[in-house]
């Protein structure tokens, strides 16, 4: 047997479904006879010893809640060798023999470093961007997509009523998955992502004018935040086409809300596997989804993988959204 006392933390940006993952880690750990500790506010809480003993009731009625009940934060101090050593020392002090880390790539690098300092860690991908190269799906992505679709559908009502163009910025600094998939789902005329350079005339103006000839009078342009310049883009569209154009930045509303069935289910499966891995004596692993199945990989191997943008889906969007 491996760990006898494990901890769980959420790190980086919050994502719907993190609570479901925490719940699964806690209940699986307790079922296997381990002591389970909740670390508050990510690696910051580990450095300061801000923890809470978890029992079965600690995670009651949280599976449907967005955000994370143990809170999250970013920790510059932990990203130093001294910070990692301090965190490892705190684990020894609190009798923590393994940690489940729920977050993105930055959180996984921290988990790898902490493992290197002698504390076994397992990672669970939790980020609305779906930008973890080793996993085809990350906890929070489905809920965020559904939020975007709901918000844009509401915008469409007023956009259609006024024969306007709506430019909608969604999250995704380096990854356009959220923009691409939600853009297809709302029938966006154009979808702009960081992975594919765009030509203003060809990819926006020409497409709008082409659909105008077919009788279309309102337009939706979905833009990933990594593309940038949405305010200026809106002005350019109005100046070039004469169509009244409004810009909407959805912002952090995309991070909130009750997680969807898929996020609750995937988070529960991943949380169960993470706790079981520590119980069995494994470390430096990340729980991922590949080909629809939950598996685990070496964290270093996972971090070295390069994410591939789905160009086929991007081409499909180009064809069917005209």
Protein backbone atom coordinates (compact mmCIF):
# COMPACT_ATOMS: atom_id res chain seq x y z
CA UNK A 1 0.00 0.00 0.00
CA UNK A 2 1.12 3.57 -0.70
CA UNK A 3 -0.15 6.74 0.91
CA UNK A 4 -1.94 6.61 4.27
CA UNK A 5 -2.78 10.30 4.41
CA UNK A 6 -3.52 12.32 1.27
CA UNK A 7 -4.39 15.91 0.49
CA UNK A 8 -6.29 17.56 -2.34
CA UNK A 9 -5.93 21.08 -3.72
CA UNK A 10 -7.26 23.12 -6.62
CA UNK A 11 -4.86 25.47 -8.38
CA UNK A 12 -4.92 28.15 -11.08
CA UNK A 13 -8.16 29.26 -12.71
CA UNK A 14 -11.33 27.71 -11.30
CA UNK A 15 -13.43 25.44 -13.49
CA UNK A 16 -16.93 23.96 -13.05
CA UNK A 17 -16.55 20.35 -11.98
CA UNK A 18 -13.60 20.93 -9.64
CA UNK A 19 -15.94 20.31 -6.70
CA UNK A 20 -17.04 17.00 -8.18
CA UNK A 21 -13.37 16.00 -8.47
CA UNK A 22 -12.64 17.06 -4.88
CA UNK A 23 -15.67 15.09 -3.70
CA UNK A 24 -14.52 11.96 -5.53
CA UNK A 25 -10.97 12.23 -4.15
CA UNK A 26 -12.23 12.67 -0.59
CA UNK A 27 -14.78 9.88 -0.64
CA UNK A 28 -12.52 7.43 -2.47
CA UNK A 29 -9.67 8.16 -0.08
CA UNK A 30 -11.87 7.62 2.95
CA UNK A 31 -13.34 4.44 1.43
CA UNK A 32 -9.80 3.10 1.05
CA UNK A 33 -9.03 3.87 4.69
CA UNK A 34 -6.86 6.92 4.15
CA UNK A 35 -6.95 10.21 5.99
CA UNK A 36 -7.89 13.07 3.64
CA UNK A 37 -6.95 16.73 4.05
CA UNK A 38 -8.27 19.65 2.03
CA UNK A 39 -5.69 22.32 1.22
CA UNK A 40 -7.23 25.78 0.84
CA UNK A 41 -6.22 28.24 -1.89
CA UNK A 42 -3.94 25.98 -3.88
CA UNK A 43 -0.20 25.89 -3.36
CA UNK A 44 -0.47 29.07 -1.26
CA UNK A 45 -2.43 27.08 1.31
CA UNK A 46 0.17 24.34 1.28
CA UNK A 47 2.92 26.86 1.99
CA UNK A 48 1.00 28.42 4.88
CA UNK A 49 -0.54 25.23 6.28
CA UNK A 50 -4.09 26.42 5.55
CA UNK A 51 -5.80 23.03 5.63
CA UNK A 52 -8.97 21.32 6.80
CA UNK A 53 -9.58 17.71 7.79
CA UNK A 54 -12.12 16.18 5.38
CA UNK A 55 -14.82 13.64 6.16
CA UNK A 56 -17.75 12.22 4.19
CA UNK A 57 -19.96 15.18 5.05
CA UNK A 58 -17.28 17.73 4.12
CA UNK A 59 -18.15 17.19 0.47
CA UNK A 60 -21.92 16.79 0.76
CA UNK A 61 -24.00 18.91 -1.63
CA UNK A 62 -21.05 20.26 -3.62
CA UNK A 63 -21.20 18.15 -6.79
CA UNK A 64 -23.64 20.60 -8.39
CA UNK A 65 -21.77 23.76 -7.39
CA UNK A 66 -19.45 25.74 -9.64
CA UNK A 67 -16.10 27.09 -8.48
CA UNK A 68 -14.17 25.22 -5.80
CA UNK A 69 -15.15 24.92 -2.13
CA UNK A 70 -11.48 24.68 -1.12
CA UNK A 71 -10.73 27.84 -3.13
CA UNK A 72 -7.89 28.40 -5.56
CA UNK A 73 -5.04 30.81 -6.13
CA UNK A 74 -1.84 31.30 -8.07
CA UNK A 75 1.38 31.06 -6.09
CA UNK A 76 4.55 32.84 -7.32
CA UNK A 77 6.40 31.71 -4.17
CA UNK A 78 5.76 28.04 -4.93
CA UNK A 79 7.37 28.50 -8.36
CA UNK A 80 10.80 28.76 -6.72
CA UNK A 81 13.04 25.95 -5.41
CA UNK A 82 12.73 27.43 -1.93
CA UNK A 83 8.95 27.43 -2.24
CA UNK A 84 8.83 23.79 -3.31
CA UNK A 85 11.04 22.78 -0.39
CA UNK A 86 8.87 24.77 2.02
CA UNK A 87 5.77 23.01 0.65
CA UNK A 88 7.40 19.59 1.00
CA UNK A 89 8.42 20.40 4.57
CA UNK A 90 4.82 21.41 5.32
CA UNK A 91 3.60 18.07 3.94
CA UNK A 92 5.94 16.25 6.30
CA UNK A 93 4.79 18.44 9.19
CA UNK A 94 1.12 17.72 8.44
CA UNK A 95 1.81 14.01 7.82
CA UNK A 96 0.66 14.26 4.20
CA UNK A 97 2.07 11.39 2.15
CA UNK A 98 0.49 12.27 -1.21
CA UNK A 99 -1.28 15.16 -2.95
CA UNK A 100 -3.94 15.30 -5.66
CA UNK A 101 -3.57 18.51 -7.68
CA UNK A 102 -6.53 19.70 -9.78
CA UNK A 103 -5.67 22.37 -12.35
CA UNK A 104 -3.88 23.07 -15.62
CA UNK A 105 -0.35 22.72 -16.99
CA UNK A 106 1.12 25.16 -14.47
CA UNK A 107 -0.43 23.17 -11.64
CA UNK A 108 1.02 19.96 -13.09
CA UNK A 109 4.50 21.47 -13.22
CA UNK A 110 4.09 22.25 -9.54
CA UNK A 111 2.98 18.66 -8.90
CA UNK A 112 6.05 17.37 -10.74
CA UNK A 113 8.34 19.62 -8.71
CA UNK A 114 6.69 18.58 -5.45
CA UNK A 115 7.08 14.92 -6.41
CA UNK A 116 10.76 15.63 -7.05
CA UNK A 117 10.97 16.99 -3.50
CA UNK A 118 9.72 13.66 -2.15
CA UNK A 119 5.93 14.14 -1.99
CA UNK A 120 4.02 11.85 -4.39
CA UNK A 121 1.54 13.81 -6.53
CA UNK A 122 -1.23 12.99 -8.98
CA UNK A 123 -2.70 15.60 -11.34
CA UNK A 124 -6.27 16.01 -12.61
CA UNK A 125 -6.84 18.37 -15.60
CA UNK A 126 -9.30 21.08 -14.60
CA UNK A 127 -9.49 24.05 -16.98
CA UNK A 128 -12.26 25.50 -19.15
CA UNK A 129 -9.80 26.01 -22.04
CA UNK A 130 -9.40 22.29 -22.84
CA UNK A 131 -5.74 23.03 -23.50
CA UNK A 132 -4.00 20.06 -21.86
CA UNK A 133 -2.16 18.31 -24.71
CA UNK A 134 -2.15 14.90 -23.02
CA UNK A 135 -5.90 14.83 -22.43
CA UNK A 136 -8.62 15.12 -25.04
CA UNK A 137 -10.92 16.55 -22.39
CA UNK A 138 -10.50 18.71 -19.30
CA UNK A 139 -12.93 19.20 -16.42
CA UNK A 140 -14.92 22.41 -16.90
CA UNK A 141 -14.81 22.61 -20.69
CA UNK A 142 -18.32 21.30 -21.36
CA UNK A 143 -19.92 23.66 -18.85
CA UNK A 144 -18.03 26.65 -20.25
CA UNK A 145 -19.10 25.77 -23.79
CA UNK A 146 -22.71 25.51 -22.75
CA UNK A 147 -22.46 28.87 -20.98
CA UNK A 148 -21.07 30.49 -24.13
CA UNK A 149 -23.83 28.95 -26.26
CA UNK A 150 -26.52 30.18 -23.85
CA UNK A 151 -25.10 33.71 -23.75
CA UNK A 152 -24.65 33.96 -27.52
CA UNK A 153 -28.14 32.59 -28.15
CA UNK A 154 -29.46 35.45 -26.03
CA UNK A 155 -27.32 37.95 -27.92
CA UNK A 156 -28.60 36.52 -31.19
CA UNK A 157 -32.16 37.56 -30.31
CA UNK A 158 -31.26 41.25 -30.16
CA UNK A 159 -28.70 40.98 -32.97
CA UNK A 160 -31.37 39.55 -35.26
CA UNK A 161 -33.94 42.15 -34.22
CA UNK A 162 -31.66 45.01 -35.25
CA UNK A 163 -29.86 43.46 -38.25
CA UNK A 164 -26.57 43.82 -36.37
CA UNK A 165 -23.24 42.08 -36.20
CA UNK A 166 -22.22 40.78 -32.76
CA UNK A 167 -18.52 40.24 -32.10
CA UNK A 168 -18.24 37.95 -29.06
CA UNK A 169 -14.94 37.38 -27.24
CA UNK A 170 -14.67 34.09 -25.37
CA UNK A 171 -11.87 32.83 -23.14
CA UNK A 172 -8.78 31.13 -24.52
CA UNK A 173 -5.47 32.99 -24.47
CA UNK A 174 -3.42 30.30 -26.22
CA UNK A 175 -6.13 27.82 -27.14
CA UNK A 176 -9.08 28.32 -29.47
CA UNK A 177 -11.05 25.18 -28.56
CA UNK A 178 -13.75 27.06 -26.68
CA UNK A 179 -14.18 29.54 -29.53
CA UNK A 180 -14.14 26.83 -32.20
CA UNK A 181 -16.63 24.42 -30.68
CA UNK A 182 -19.03 27.03 -29.31
CA UNK A 183 -18.72 29.01 -32.54
CA UNK A 184 -19.92 26.02 -34.54
CA UNK A 185 -22.73 25.43 -32.04
CA UNK A 186 -24.08 28.99 -32.43
CA UNK A 187 -23.63 29.15 -36.20
CA UNK A 188 -21.04 31.91 -36.15
CA UNK A 189 -20.25 33.44 -39.54
CA UNK A 190 -16.56 33.64 -38.60
CA UNK A 191 -14.50 32.03 -35.84
CA UNK A 192 -11.11 33.51 -34.96
CA UNK A 193 -8.59 31.47 -32.95
CA UNK A 194 -4.95 32.01 -31.91
CA UNK A 195 -3.81 28.88 -33.76
CA UNK A 196 -4.86 30.10 -37.23
CA UNK A 197 -3.84 33.53 -38.62
CA UNK A 198 -6.82 35.33 -40.12
CA UNK A 199 -7.26 37.75 -42.97
CA UNK A 200 -9.78 40.49 -42.14
CA UNK A 201 -11.08 40.90 -45.68
CA UNK A 202 -11.24 37.21 -46.58
CA UNK A 203 -12.33 35.68 -43.27
CA UNK A 204 -14.79 38.33 -42.10
CA UNK A 205 -15.86 40.94 -44.64
CA UNK A 206 -16.07 38.66 -47.67
CA UNK A 207 -17.96 36.01 -45.71
CA UNK A 208 -20.45 38.57 -44.41
CA UNK A 209 -21.02 40.01 -47.87
CA UNK A 210 -21.45 36.53 -49.37
CA UNK A 211 -24.11 35.59 -46.84
CA UNK A 212 -25.80 38.99 -47.32
CA UNK A 213 -26.37 38.09 -50.95
CA UNK A 214 -28.11 34.91 -49.75
CA UNK A 215 -30.45 37.01 -47.61
CA UNK A 216 -28.68 36.98 -44.23
CA UNK A 217 -29.03 40.23 -42.26
CA UNK A 218 -27.43 39.50 -38.87
CA UNK A 219 -24.01 38.07 -38.04
CA UNK A 220 -22.10 36.56 -35.14
CA UNK A 221 -18.31 36.59 -35.00
CA UNK A 222 -16.75 34.48 -32.22
CA UNK A 223 -13.21 35.45 -31.21
CA UNK A 224 -10.86 33.73 -28.75
CA UNK A 225 -9.31 36.24 -26.34
CA UNK A 226 -5.81 35.24 -27.51
CA UNK A 227 -6.55 36.82 -30.88
CA UNK A 228 -7.01 40.20 -29.15
CA UNK A 229 -8.22 43.55 -30.42
CA UNK A 230 -11.96 42.83 -30.43
CA UNK A 231 -12.97 46.46 -29.87
CA UNK A 232 -10.93 47.58 -32.87
CA UNK A 233 -12.24 44.62 -34.85
CA UNK A 234 -15.82 45.72 -34.20
CA UNK A 235 -15.06 49.24 -35.44
CA UNK A 236 -13.37 47.90 -38.59
CA UNK A 237 -16.36 45.68 -39.39
CA UNK A 238 -18.77 48.62 -39.10
CA UNK A 239 -16.54 50.88 -41.18
CA UNK A 240 -16.04 48.29 -43.90
CA UNK A 241 -19.56 46.85 -44.14
CA UNK A 242 -21.77 49.64 -42.81
CA UNK A 243 -23.47 47.12 -40.52
CA UNK A 244 -24.03 48.23 -36.94
CA UNK A 245 -21.60 46.16 -34.87
CA UNK A 246 -21.54 45.54 -31.13
CA UNK A 247 -18.75 43.90 -29.14
CA UNK A 248 -19.46 41.66 -26.15
CA UNK A 249 -16.71 40.26 -23.93
CA UNK A 250 -18.17 37.36 -21.98
CA UNK A 251 -15.33 37.30 -19.43
CA UNK A 252 -15.49 35.35 -16.20
CA UNK A 253 -19.14 34.39 -16.53
CA UNK A 254 -17.69 31.46 -18.52
CA UNK A 255 -15.94 30.09 -15.43
CA UNK A 256 -19.06 29.92 -13.26
CA UNK A 257 -22.27 28.00 -13.11
CA UNK A 258 -23.42 24.55 -12.16
CA UNK A 259 -21.34 21.88 -13.96
CA UNK A 260 -22.96 19.82 -16.67
CA UNK A 261 -23.53 16.08 -16.42
CA UNK A 262 -20.38 15.44 -18.45
CA UNK A 263 -18.18 17.56 -16.19
CA UNK A 264 -19.61 15.96 -13.05
CA UNK A 265 -19.10 12.46 -14.44
CA UNK A 266 -15.59 12.94 -15.83
CA UNK A 267 -14.47 14.77 -12.67
CA UNK A 268 -15.82 11.93 -10.52
CA UNK A 269 -14.02 9.28 -12.59
CA UNK A 270 -10.76 11.22 -12.53
CA UNK A 271 -10.97 11.95 -8.79
CA UNK A 272 -11.58 8.28 -8.04
CA UNK A 273 -8.59 7.18 -10.12
CA UNK A 274 -6.28 9.83 -8.63
CA UNK A 275 -6.99 8.78 -5.03
CA UNK A 276 -6.61 5.11 -5.96
CA UNK A 277 -3.25 5.78 -7.64
CA UNK A 278 -1.86 7.34 -4.45
CA UNK A 279 -3.29 4.49 -2.37
CA UNK A 280 -1.47 2.00 -4.62
CA UNK A 281 1.84 3.83 -4.20
CA UNK A 282 1.99 5.64 -7.54
CA UNK A 283 3.28 9.18 -7.99
CA UNK A 284 4.15 11.78 -10.63
CA UNK A 285 1.11 10.78 -12.69
CA UNK A 286 -1.63 12.77 -14.37
CA UNK A 287 -5.12 11.36 -14.94
CA UNK A 288 -6.28 12.05 -18.49
CA UNK A 289 -8.89 11.09 -21.05
CA UNK A 290 -7.73 9.41 -24.24
CA UNK A 291 -10.07 7.82 -26.78
CA UNK A 292 -12.91 8.41 -24.34
CA UNK A 293 -11.26 6.37 -21.56
CA UNK A 294 -9.74 7.55 -18.27
CA UNK A 295 -6.07 6.55 -18.03
CA UNK A 296 -2.95 7.92 -16.33
CA UNK A 297 0.40 9.07 -17.69
CA UNK A 298 3.73 10.21 -16.29
CA UNK A 299 3.45 13.95 -15.61
CA UNK A 300 6.71 14.78 -17.39
CA UNK A 301 5.61 12.77 -20.42
CA UNK A 302 2.25 14.55 -20.34
CA UNK A 303 3.83 18.01 -20.10
CA UNK A 304 6.12 17.28 -23.06
CA UNK A 305 3.22 16.50 -25.38
CA UNK A 306 2.36 19.17 -27.95
CA UNK A 307 -1.28 20.09 -28.36
CA UNK A 308 -2.63 19.70 -31.87
CA UNK A 309 -5.34 22.07 -33.05
CA UNK A 310 -8.29 20.37 -34.72
CA UNK A 311 -7.92 21.80 -38.23
CA UNK A 312 -10.52 19.38 -39.61
CA UNK A 313 -13.15 20.83 -37.27
CA UNK A 314 -12.01 24.34 -38.18
CA UNK A 315 -12.50 23.53 -41.88
CA UNK A 316 -15.94 22.12 -41.15
CA UNK A 317 -16.87 25.37 -39.39
CA UNK A 318 -15.73 27.32 -42.45
CA UNK A 319 -17.97 25.30 -44.75
CA UNK A 320 -21.19 25.06 -42.74
CA UNK A 321 -21.32 28.53 -41.18
CA UNK A 322 -21.55 30.52 -44.39
